Amino acid sequence: MMDQGKQPEAGQTLTRAAALAGAAAIGAGAALLGSGPRPALAGGAPIPLFIAAGGPKSARLSGMYGDGLVADPMQLMTNPAYKQAWREGALAAGKNPDTMPVLIEHFVVVGDQLSAQNPAELWRFTAKSWKPGYFNNINPAAIQARADAEIPLPMVYAQWPVSTDPMVHIQSIQKLVNMGVTHVFVHSGQRGQQLEVVDFYGRYVLPQVRGGAVTGVRPNTGY
């Protein structure tokens, strides 16, 4: 979700969207989110509602109405007010942010900077995806054209781990954990290389992560 600084009605939109999402998950005739039972997973826990946020104001709303934050990597890395606003929103709703998940999409490249160029071309818009002209544009071709004109490729992959050294990828995950991330969704944009990346992570990265190479991992949040 975009930040709310220039769109005061967007907070109400998020509230309604959260309610509708809860109602859709519960089924016809069920109560809206916050006023009735939530549907349960097989283990008995309610189905979680994770809400993305692109700035501090929407992060606060995510904390208030969601069960976890889908975080913007740059906001999380560079803006302390972003995470703090999310925590304050959760606390205001009577929730404990220390037990709530923080999810992130993590682009990776198993290769050199030349290998990063193609996925950076495809995902160029992500460097400004929360900015006006991007999140509020429904025309994919216009978004891509604007990104091509405004965003240099090195800016796109500046925060991606780009290497064939497993330790570079492990250290990148450690950096996310240090910022409070609990769930990392690894995304390879390398065209035709997804199986190779999965194999690389399966052989050389994840076993070390599970073996203790990454420290400070929060206990499982139940999601």
C-alpha atoms as a PDB file:
ATOM      1  CA  MET A   1       0.000   0.000   0.000  1.00  0.00           C
ATOM      2  CA  MET A   2       1.127   3.571  -0.694  1.00  0.00           C
ATOM      3  CA  ASP A   3       1.905   6.003   2.114  1.00  0.00           C
ATOM      4  CA  GLN A   4      -0.960   8.206   3.207  1.00  0.00           C
ATOM      5  CA  GLY A   5       0.677  11.653   3.283  1.00  0.00           C
ATOM      6  CA  LYS A   6      -1.099  13.076   0.221  1.00  0.00           C
ATOM      7  CA  GLN A   7      -4.196  10.871   0.222  1.00  0.00           C
ATOM      8  CA  PRO A   8      -6.134  11.208   3.511  1.00  0.00           C
ATOM      9  CA  GLU A   9      -8.945   8.994   2.205  1.00  0.00           C
ATOM     10  CA  ALA A  10      -6.553   6.087   1.678  1.00  0.00           C
ATOM     11  CA  GLY A  11      -6.575   5.182   5.369  1.00  0.00           C
ATOM     12  CA  GLN A  12     -10.316   4.571   5.180  1.00  0.00           C
ATOM     13  CA  THR A  13      -9.757   2.598   1.991  1.00  0.00           C
ATOM     14  CA  LEU A  14      -7.288   0.320   3.771  1.00  0.00           C
ATOM     15  CA  THR A  15      -9.683  -0.181   6.674  1.00  0.00           C
ATOM     16  CA  ARG A  16     -12.470  -1.196   4.292  1.00  0.00           C
ATOM     17  CA  ALA A  17     -10.109  -3.418   2.303  1.00  0.00           C
ATOM     18  CA  ALA A  18      -8.970  -5.217   5.448  1.00  0.00           C
ATOM     19  CA  ALA A  19     -12.568  -5.749   6.473  1.00  0.00           C
ATOM     20  CA  LEU A  20     -13.519  -7.062   3.036  1.00  0.00           C
ATOM     21  CA  ALA A  21     -10.501  -9.378   2.946  1.00  0.00           C
ATOM     22  CA  GLY A  22     -11.483 -10.803   6.302  1.00  0.00           C
ATOM     23  CA  ALA A  23     -15.064 -11.205   5.217  1.00  0.00           C
ATOM     24  CA  ALA A  24     -14.087 -12.880   1.945  1.00  0.00           C
ATOM     25  CA  ALA A  25     -11.920 -15.368   3.795  1.00  0.00           C
ATOM     26  CA  ILE A  26     -14.659 -16.130   6.301  1.00  0.00           C
ATOM     27  CA  GLY A  27     -17.319 -16.582   3.639  1.00  0.00           C
ATOM     28  CA  ALA A  28     -20.801 -15.322   2.852  1.00  0.00           C
ATOM     29  CA  GLY A  29     -22.756 -14.027   5.788  1.00  0.00           C
ATOM     30  CA  ALA A  30     -19.771 -13.911   8.141  1.00  0.00           C
ATOM     31  CA  ALA A  31     -18.804 -10.914  10.233  1.00  0.00           C
ATOM     32  CA  LEU A  32     -16.348  -8.318   9.004  1.00  0.00           C
ATOM     33  CA  LEU A  33     -12.769  -8.272  10.261  1.00  0.00           C
ATOM     34  CA  GLY A  34     -12.634  -7.240  13.898  1.00  0.00           C
ATOM     35  CA  SER A  35     -16.294  -7.961  14.661  1.00  0.00           C
ATOM     36  CA  GLY A  36     -16.480 -11.720  14.337  1.00  0.00           C
ATOM     37  CA  PRO A  37     -14.497 -14.959  14.246  1.00  0.00           C
ATOM     38  CA  ARG A  38     -11.633 -15.359  11.822  1.00  0.00           C
ATOM     39  CA  PRO A  39     -11.344 -18.512   9.706  1.00  0.00           C
ATOM     40  CA  ALA A  40      -8.863 -21.063  11.013  1.00  0.00           C
ATOM     41  CA  LEU A  41      -5.955 -22.908   9.494  1.00  0.00           C
ATOM     42  CA  ALA A  42      -5.576 -26.647   9.973  1.00  0.00           C
ATOM     43  CA  GLY A  43      -3.744 -26.110  13.263  1.00  0.00           C
ATOM     44  CA  GLY A  44      -6.477 -23.863  14.637  1.00  0.00           C
ATOM     45  CA  ALA A  45      -4.734 -20.506  14.123  1.00  0.00           C
ATOM     46  CA  PRO A  46      -6.725 -17.819  12.283  1.00  0.00           C
ATOM     47  CA  ILE A  47      -5.830 -17.186   8.643  1.00  0.00           C
ATOM     48  CA  PRO A  48      -3.394 -14.228   8.767  1.00  0.00           C
ATOM     49  CA  LEU A  49      -3.864 -10.970   6.918  1.00  0.00           C
ATOM     50  CA  PHE A  50      -0.518  -9.410   5.939  1.00  0.00           C
ATOM     51  CA  ILE A  51      -0.640  -5.772   4.789  1.00  0.00           C
ATOM     52  CA  ALA A  52       2.077  -4.066   2.752  1.00  0.00           C
ATOM     53  CA  ALA A  53       3.196  -0.522   3.511  1.00  0.00           C
ATOM     54  CA  GLY A  54       5.276   1.971   1.563  1.00  0.00           C
ATOM     55  CA  GLY A  55       5.828   4.593   4.262  1.00  0.00           C
ATOM     56  CA  PRO A  56       5.337   5.323   7.978  1.00  0.00           C
ATOM     57  CA  LYS A  57       1.658   6.309   7.773  1.00  0.00           C
ATOM     58  CA  SER A  58       0.601   3.187   5.936  1.00  0.00           C
ATOM     59  CA  ALA A  59       2.939   1.138   8.156  1.00  0.00           C
ATOM     60  CA  ARG A  60       0.991   2.300  11.190  1.00  0.00           C
ATOM     61  CA  LEU A  61      -2.257   1.202   9.558  1.00  0.00           C
ATOM     62  CA  SER A  62      -0.674  -2.122   8.668  1.00  0.00           C
ATOM     63  CA  GLY A  63       0.193  -2.620  12.325  1.00  0.00           C
ATOM     64  CA  MET A  64      -3.315  -1.700  13.421  1.00  0.00           C
ATOM     65  CA  TYR A  65      -5.298  -3.800  10.963  1.00  0.00           C
ATOM     66  CA  GLY A  66      -2.933  -6.545   9.847  1.00  0.00           C
ATOM     67  CA  ASP A  67      -1.365  -9.624  11.364  1.00  0.00           C
ATOM     68  CA  GLY A  68       2.032  -8.857   9.855  1.00  0.00           C
ATOM     69  CA  LEU A  69       3.933  -6.353   7.720  1.00  0.00           C
ATOM     70  CA  VAL A  70       4.934  -6.873   4.095  1.00  0.00           C
ATOM     71  CA  ALA A  71       7.860  -4.478   4.258  1.00  0.00           C
ATOM     72  CA  ASP A  72       9.387  -2.158   1.705  1.00  0.00           C
ATOM     73  CA  PRO A  73      13.134  -3.005   1.784  1.00  0.00           C
ATOM     74  CA  MET A  74      14.395   0.557   1.328  1.00  0.00           C
ATOM     75  CA  GLN A  75      12.069   1.979   3.974  1.00  0.00           C
ATOM     76  CA  LEU A  76      13.124  -0.737   6.378  1.00  0.00           C
ATOM     77  CA  MET A  77      16.808  -0.068   5.698  1.00  0.00           C
ATOM     78  CA  THR A  78      16.832   3.722   5.644  1.00  0.00           C
ATOM     79  CA  ASN A  79      13.849   5.057   7.594  1.00  0.00           C
ATOM     80  CA  PRO A  80      13.639   4.146  11.324  1.00  0.00           C
ATOM     81  CA  ALA A  81      10.247   5.881  11.533  1.00  0.00           C
ATOM     82  CA  TYR A  82       8.787   3.226   9.206  1.00  0.00           C
ATOM     83  CA  LYS A  83       9.300   0.255  11.526  1.00  0.00           C
ATOM     84  CA  GLN A  84       8.487   2.354  14.592  1.00  0.00           C
ATOM     85  CA  ALA A  85       5.162   3.454  13.101  1.00  0.00           C
ATOM     86  CA  TRP A  86       4.251  -0.166  12.395  1.00  0.00           C
ATOM     87  CA  ARG A  87       5.065  -1.139  15.973  1.00  0.00           C
ATOM     88  CA  GLU A  88       3.028   1.764  17.345  1.00  0.00           C
ATOM     89  CA  GLY A  89       0.047   0.781  15.203  1.00  0.00           C
ATOM     90  CA  ALA A  90       0.189  -2.789  16.458  1.00  0.00           C
ATOM     91  CA  LEU A  91       0.453  -1.660  20.073  1.00  0.00           C
ATOM     92  CA  ALA A  92      -2.454   0.748  19.617  1.00  0.00           C
ATOM     93  CA  ALA A  93      -4.569  -2.221  18.496  1.00  0.00           C
ATOM     94  CA  GLY A  94      -3.573  -4.265  21.530  1.00  0.00           C
ATOM     95  CA  LYS A  95      -1.135  -6.514  19.645  1.00  0.00           C
ATOM     96  CA  ASN A  96       2.466  -7.406  20.378  1.00  0.00           C
ATOM     97  CA  PRO A  97       4.668  -6.469  17.398  1.00  0.00           C
ATOM     98  CA  ASP A  98       7.460  -8.677  18.777  1.00  0.00           C
ATOM     99  CA  THR A  99       5.357 -11.728  17.935  1.00  0.00           C
ATOM    100  CA  MET A 100       4.133 -10.505  14.525  1.00  0.00           C
ATOM    101  CA  PRO A 101       5.870 -11.450  11.267  1.00  0.00           C
ATOM    102  CA  VAL A 102       7.727  -9.042   9.017  1.00  0.00           C
ATOM    103  CA  LEU A 103       7.894 -10.322   5.442  1.00  0.00           C
ATOM    104  CA  ILE A 104      10.109  -9.161   2.615  1.00  0.00           C
ATOM    105  CA  GLU A 105      10.701  -9.958  -1.053  1.00  0.00           C
ATOM    106  CA  HIS A 106      14.432 -10.497  -1.500  1.00  0.00           C
ATOM    107  CA  PHE A 107      15.853 -10.268  -5.016  1.00  0.00           C
ATOM    108  CA  VAL A 108      19.037 -12.279  -5.546  1.00  0.00           C
ATOM    109  CA  VAL A 109      21.458 -12.881  -8.418  1.00  0.00           C
ATOM    110  CA  VAL A 110      23.711 -15.919  -8.521  1.00  0.00           C
ATOM    111  CA  GLY A 111      26.326 -14.486 -10.861  1.00  0.00           C
ATOM    112  CA  ASP A 112      28.170 -11.248 -11.595  1.00  0.00           C
ATOM    113  CA  GLN A 113      26.948  -7.730 -12.364  1.00  0.00           C
ATOM    114  CA  LEU A 114      26.495  -8.664 -15.999  1.00  0.00           C
ATOM    115  CA  SER A 115      24.142 -11.415 -14.852  1.00  0.00           C
ATOM    116  CA  ALA A 116      22.216  -8.816 -12.863  1.00  0.00           C
ATOM    117  CA  GLN A 117      21.518  -6.603 -15.869  1.00  0.00           C
ATOM    118  CA  ASN A 118      18.697  -8.672 -17.367  1.00  0.00           C
ATOM    119  CA  PRO A 119      16.646  -9.101 -14.173  1.00  0.00           C
ATOM    120  CA  ALA A 120      17.281  -5.438 -13.364  1.00  0.00           C
ATOM    121  CA  GLU A 121      15.808  -4.515 -16.761  1.00  0.00           C
ATOM    122  CA  LEU A 122      12.720  -6.611 -16.064  1.00  0.00           C
ATOM    123  CA  TRP A 123      12.250  -5.304 -12.517  1.00  0.00           C
ATOM    124  CA  ARG A 124      13.539  -1.768 -13.009  1.00  0.00           C
ATOM    125  CA  PHE A 125      10.299  -0.234 -11.715  1.00  0.00           C
ATOM    126  CA  THR A 126      10.759  -1.804  -8.273  1.00  0.00           C
ATOM    127  CA  ALA A 127      13.288   0.868  -7.332  1.00  0.00           C
ATOM    128  CA  LYS A 128      10.389   3.350  -7.222  1.00  0.00           C
ATOM    129  CA  SER A 129       7.349   1.090  -7.024  1.00  0.00           C
ATOM    130  CA  TRP A 130       5.941   2.963  -4.012  1.00  0.00           C
ATOM    131  CA  LYS A 131       6.282   6.372  -5.664  1.00  0.00           C
ATOM    132  CA  PRO A 132       3.479   8.337  -7.376  1.00  0.00           C
ATOM    133  CA  GLY A 133       3.448   7.564 -11.060  1.00  0.00           C
ATOM    134  CA  TYR A 134       4.139   3.906 -10.313  1.00  0.00           C
ATOM    135  CA  PHE A 135       1.807   2.469  -7.647  1.00  0.00           C
ATOM    136  CA  ASN A 136      -1.115   4.558  -8.938  1.00  0.00           C
ATOM    137  CA  ASN A 137      -0.586   3.782 -12.633  1.00  0.00           C
ATOM    138  CA  ILE A 138      -2.584   0.874 -14.056  1.00  0.00           C
ATOM    139  CA  ASN A 139      -0.743   0.843 -17.398  1.00  0.00           C
ATOM    140  CA  PRO A 140       2.210  -1.616 -17.295  1.00  0.00           C
ATOM    141  CA  ALA A 141       3.732  -0.242 -20.499  1.00  0.00           C
ATOM    142  CA  ALA A 142       3.674   3.311 -19.121  1.00  0.00           C
ATOM    143  CA  ILE A 143       5.228   2.141 -15.858  1.00  0.00           C
ATOM    144  CA  GLN A 144       8.027   0.389 -17.724  1.00  0.00           C
ATOM    145  CA  ALA A 145       8.638   3.393 -19.984  1.00  0.00           C
ATOM    146  CA  ARG A 146       8.837   5.729 -17.013  1.00  0.00           C
ATOM    147  CA  ALA A 147      11.201   3.383 -15.191  1.00  0.00           C
ATOM    148  CA  ASP A 148      13.433   3.123 -18.280  1.00  0.00           C
ATOM    149  CA  ALA A 149      13.677   6.918 -18.391  1.00  0.00           C
ATOM    150  CA  GLU A 150      14.166   7.567 -14.679  1.00  0.00           C
ATOM    151  CA  ILE A 151      15.965   4.628 -13.074  1.00  0.00           C
ATOM    152  CA  PRO A 152      19.553   3.586 -13.903  1.00  0.00           C
ATOM    153  CA  LEU A 153      20.157  -0.161 -13.735  1.00  0.00           C
ATOM    154  CA  PRO A 154      22.769  -0.033 -10.930  1.00  0.00           C
ATOM    155  CA  MET A 155      20.134   1.612  -8.727  1.00  0.00           C
ATOM    156  CA  VAL A 156      17.867  -1.411  -9.221  1.00  0.00           C
ATOM    157  CA  TYR A 157      20.318  -4.062  -8.059  1.00  0.00           C
ATOM    158  CA  ALA A 158      22.284  -1.923  -5.594  1.00  0.00           C
ATOM    159  CA  GLN A 159      20.747  -3.765  -2.631  1.00  0.00           C
ATOM    160  CA  TRP A 160      20.626  -7.217  -4.220  1.00  0.00           C
ATOM    161  CA  PRO A 161      23.247  -9.831  -3.355  1.00  0.00           C
ATOM    162  CA  VAL A 162      25.028 -10.355  -6.678  1.00  0.00           C
ATOM    163  CA  SER A 163      27.605 -13.116  -6.335  1.00  0.00           C
ATOM    164  CA  THR A 164      28.403 -16.799  -6.692  1.00  0.00           C
ATOM    165  CA  ASP A 165      29.865 -16.748  -3.169  1.00  0.00           C
ATOM    166  CA  PRO A 166      27.332 -18.311  -0.751  1.00  0.00           C
ATOM    167  CA  MET A 167      28.619 -16.123   2.082  1.00  0.00           C
ATOM    168  CA  VAL A 168      27.523 -12.962   0.257  1.00  0.00           C
ATOM    169  CA  HIS A 169      23.973 -14.333   0.132  1.00  0.00           C
ATOM    170  CA  ILE A 170      24.122 -15.494   3.755  1.00  0.00           C
ATOM    171  CA  GLN A 171      25.318 -12.072   4.899  1.00  0.00           C
ATOM    172  CA  SER A 172      22.471 -10.470   2.952  1.00  0.00           C
ATOM    173  CA  ILE A 173      19.951 -12.616   4.836  1.00  0.00           C
ATOM    174  CA  GLN A 174      21.695 -11.734   8.099  1.00  0.00           C
ATOM    175  CA  LYS A 175      21.244  -8.046   7.285  1.00  0.00           C
ATOM    176  CA  LEU A 176      17.502  -8.594   6.868  1.00  0.00           C
ATOM    177  CA  VAL A 177      17.261 -10.516  10.141  1.00  0.00           C
ATOM    178  CA  ASN A 178      19.102  -7.705  11.901  1.00  0.00           C
ATOM    179  CA  MET A 179      16.344  -5.351  10.687  1.00  0.00           C
ATOM    180  CA  GLY A 180      13.670  -7.573  12.228  1.00  0.00           C
ATOM    181  CA  VAL A 181      12.593  -9.510   9.138  1.00  0.00           C
ATOM    182  CA  THR A 182      11.121 -12.907  10.024  1.00  0.00           C
ATOM    183  CA  HIS A 183      10.130 -14.269   6.595  1.00  0.00           C
ATOM    184  CA  VAL A 184      12.349 -13.896   3.512  1.00  0.00           C
ATOM    185  CA  PHE A 185      10.914 -14.678   0.083  1.00  0.00           C
ATOM    186  CA  VAL A 186      13.864 -15.235  -2.245  1.00  0.00           C
ATOM    187  CA  HIS A 187      13.176 -13.966  -5.766  1.00  0.00           C
ATOM    188  CA  SER A 188      15.446 -14.737  -8.683  1.00  0.00           C
ATOM    189  CA  GLY A 189      14.780 -12.588 -11.709  1.00  0.00           C
ATOM    190  CA  GLN A 190      17.401 -14.361 -13.806  1.00  0.00           C
ATOM    191  CA  ARG A 191      15.565 -15.540 -16.886  1.00  0.00           C
ATOM    192  CA  GLY A 192      15.979 -19.291 -17.375  1.00  0.00           C
ATOM    193  CA  GLN A 193      18.165 -19.593 -14.264  1.00  0.00           C
ATOM    194  CA  GLN A 194      15.574 -20.222 -11.572  1.00  0.00           C
ATOM    195  CA  LEU A 195      16.432 -23.920 -11.214  1.00  0.00           C
ATOM    196  CA  GLU A 196      20.125 -23.101 -10.937  1.00  0.00           C
ATOM    197  CA  VAL A 197      19.408 -20.499  -8.261  1.00  0.00           C
ATOM    198  CA  VAL A 198      17.182 -22.926  -6.347  1.00  0.00           C
ATOM    199  CA  ASP A 199      19.945 -25.539  -6.528  1.00  0.00           C
ATOM    200  CA  PHE A 200      22.567 -23.008  -5.381  1.00  0.00           C
ATOM    201  CA  TYR A 201      20.469 -21.957  -2.389  1.00  0.00           C
ATOM    202  CA  GLY A 202      19.497 -25.534  -1.598  1.00  0.00           C
ATOM    203  CA  ARG A 203      23.098 -26.757  -1.644  1.00  0.00           C
ATOM    204  CA  TYR A 204      25.155 -23.865  -0.344  1.00  0.00           C
ATOM    205  CA  VAL A 205      23.041 -21.188   1.346  1.00  0.00           C
ATOM    206  CA  LEU A 206      20.069 -22.636   3.218  1.00  0.00           C
ATOM    207  CA  PRO A 207      21.978 -25.473   4.935  1.00  0.00           C
ATOM    208  CA  GLN A 208      24.344 -22.886   6.422  1.00  0.00           C
ATOM    209  CA  VAL A 209      21.454 -20.633   7.418  1.00  0.00           C
ATOM    210  CA  ARG A 210      19.757 -23.529   9.189  1.00  0.00           C
ATOM    211  CA  GLY A 211      23.085 -24.558  10.683  1.00  0.00           C
ATOM    212  CA  GLY A 212      23.531 -21.277  12.515  1.00  0.00           C
ATOM    213  CA  ALA A 213      25.376 -19.077  10.003  1.00  0.00           C
ATOM    214  CA  VAL A 214      22.591 -16.509  10.474  1.00  0.00           C
ATOM    215  CA  THR A 215      22.081 -15.426  14.071  1.00  0.00           C
ATOM    216  CA  GLY A 216      19.256 -13.642  15.844  1.00  0.00           C
ATOM    217  CA  VAL A 217      16.483 -15.437  13.979  1.00  0.00           C
ATOM    218  CA  ARG A 218      13.255 -14.907  15.863  1.00  0.00           C
ATOM    219  CA  PRO A 219      11.344 -18.012  16.984  1.00  0.00           C
ATOM    220  CA  ASN A 220       8.610 -19.183  14.623  1.00  0.00           C
ATOM    221  CA  THR A 221       5.671 -16.783  14.783  1.00  0.00           C
ATOM    222  CA  GLY A 222       3.153 -19.472  13.904  1.00  0.00           C
ATOM    223  CA  TYR A 223       2.635 -18.399  10.287  1.00  0.00           C
END
